[in-house]
Amino acid sequence: MSSPLIPFEKNKKRNHDVAALMILLGLFFGAFIFVMLTVNYLLRSIPLP
């Protein structure tokens, strides 16, 4: 798997890091939106006095 092109390996690793960062950001925002919707639904389900 060792390729003689060193810059290509560096670029590939950087792209992999960017993809991992985007996945983490996507999961974070997905969880954040899910929590916001759940809290909003729970607050709506509570009857206000």
C-alpha atoms as a PDB file:
ATOM      1  CA  MET A   1       0.000   0.000   0.000  1.00  0.00           C
ATOM      2  CA  SER A   2       3.029   2.306   0.373  1.00  0.00           C
ATOM      3  CA  SER A   3       2.981   4.588  -2.649  1.00  0.00           C
ATOM      4  CA  PRO A   4       6.105   6.454  -3.844  1.00  0.00           C
ATOM      5  CA  LEU A   5       4.087   9.673  -4.115  1.00  0.00           C
ATOM      6  CA  ILE A   6       4.545  11.316  -0.718  1.00  0.00           C
ATOM      7  CA  PRO A   7       2.492  14.500  -1.410  1.00  0.00           C
ATOM      8  CA  PHE A   8      -0.411  12.338  -2.596  1.00  0.00           C
ATOM      9  CA  GLU A   9      -0.331  10.412   0.686  1.00  0.00           C
ATOM     10  CA  LYS A  10      -0.303  13.705   2.620  1.00  0.00           C
ATOM     11  CA  ASN A  11      -3.205  15.070   0.591  1.00  0.00           C
ATOM     12  CA  LYS A  12      -5.121  11.814   1.059  1.00  0.00           C
ATOM     13  CA  LYS A  13      -4.631  11.951   4.827  1.00  0.00           C
ATOM     14  CA  ARG A  14      -5.753  15.576   4.949  1.00  0.00           C
ATOM     15  CA  ASN A  15      -8.889  14.754   2.970  1.00  0.00           C
ATOM     16  CA  HIS A  16      -9.565  11.865   5.348  1.00  0.00           C
ATOM     17  CA  ASP A  17      -9.202  14.207   8.341  1.00  0.00           C
ATOM     18  CA  VAL A  18     -11.575  16.720   6.732  1.00  0.00           C
ATOM     19  CA  ALA A  19     -14.114  13.956   6.047  1.00  0.00           C
ATOM     20  CA  ALA A  20     -13.883  12.740   9.646  1.00  0.00           C
ATOM     21  CA  LEU A  21     -14.326  16.312  10.903  1.00  0.00           C
ATOM     22  CA  MET A  22     -17.381  16.828   8.674  1.00  0.00           C
ATOM     23  CA  ILE A  23     -18.872  13.541   9.917  1.00  0.00           C
ATOM     24  CA  LEU A  24     -18.335  14.622  13.530  1.00  0.00           C
ATOM     25  CA  LEU A  25     -19.916  18.012  12.825  1.00  0.00           C
ATOM     26  CA  GLY A  26     -22.860  16.322  11.109  1.00  0.00           C
ATOM     27  CA  LEU A  27     -23.410  14.000  14.055  1.00  0.00           C
ATOM     28  CA  PHE A  28     -23.146  16.920  16.492  1.00  0.00           C
ATOM     29  CA  PHE A  29     -25.668  19.067  14.614  1.00  0.00           C
ATOM     30  CA  GLY A  30     -27.968  16.068  14.113  1.00  0.00           C
ATOM     31  CA  ALA A  31     -27.937  15.302  17.833  1.00  0.00           C
ATOM     32  CA  PHE A  32     -28.424  18.994  18.656  1.00  0.00           C
ATOM     33  CA  ILE A  33     -31.474  19.285  16.362  1.00  0.00           C
ATOM     34  CA  PHE A  34     -32.857  15.993  17.712  1.00  0.00           C
ATOM     35  CA  VAL A  35     -32.534  17.236  21.310  1.00  0.00           C
ATOM     36  CA  MET A  36     -34.134  20.575  20.437  1.00  0.00           C
ATOM     37  CA  LEU A  37     -37.118  18.881  18.755  1.00  0.00           C
ATOM     38  CA  THR A  38     -37.498  16.404  21.636  1.00  0.00           C
ATOM     39  CA  VAL A  39     -37.406  19.180  24.257  1.00  0.00           C
ATOM     40  CA  ASN A  40     -39.869  21.243  22.227  1.00  0.00           C
ATOM     41  CA  TYR A  41     -42.233  18.262  21.926  1.00  0.00           C
ATOM     42  CA  LEU A  42     -41.983  17.488  25.664  1.00  0.00           C
ATOM     43  CA  LEU A  43     -42.638  21.131  26.572  1.00  0.00           C
ATOM     44  CA  ARG A  44     -45.670  21.166  24.254  1.00  0.00           C
ATOM     45  CA  SER A  45     -47.012  17.913  25.753  1.00  0.00           C
ATOM     46  CA  ILE A  46     -46.937  19.419  29.267  1.00  0.00           C
ATOM     47  CA  PRO A  47     -50.292  21.114  29.939  1.00  0.00           C
ATOM     48  CA  LEU A  48     -49.758  24.721  30.942  1.00  0.00           C
ATOM     49  CA  PRO A  49     -51.707  25.884  33.995  1.00  0.00           C
END
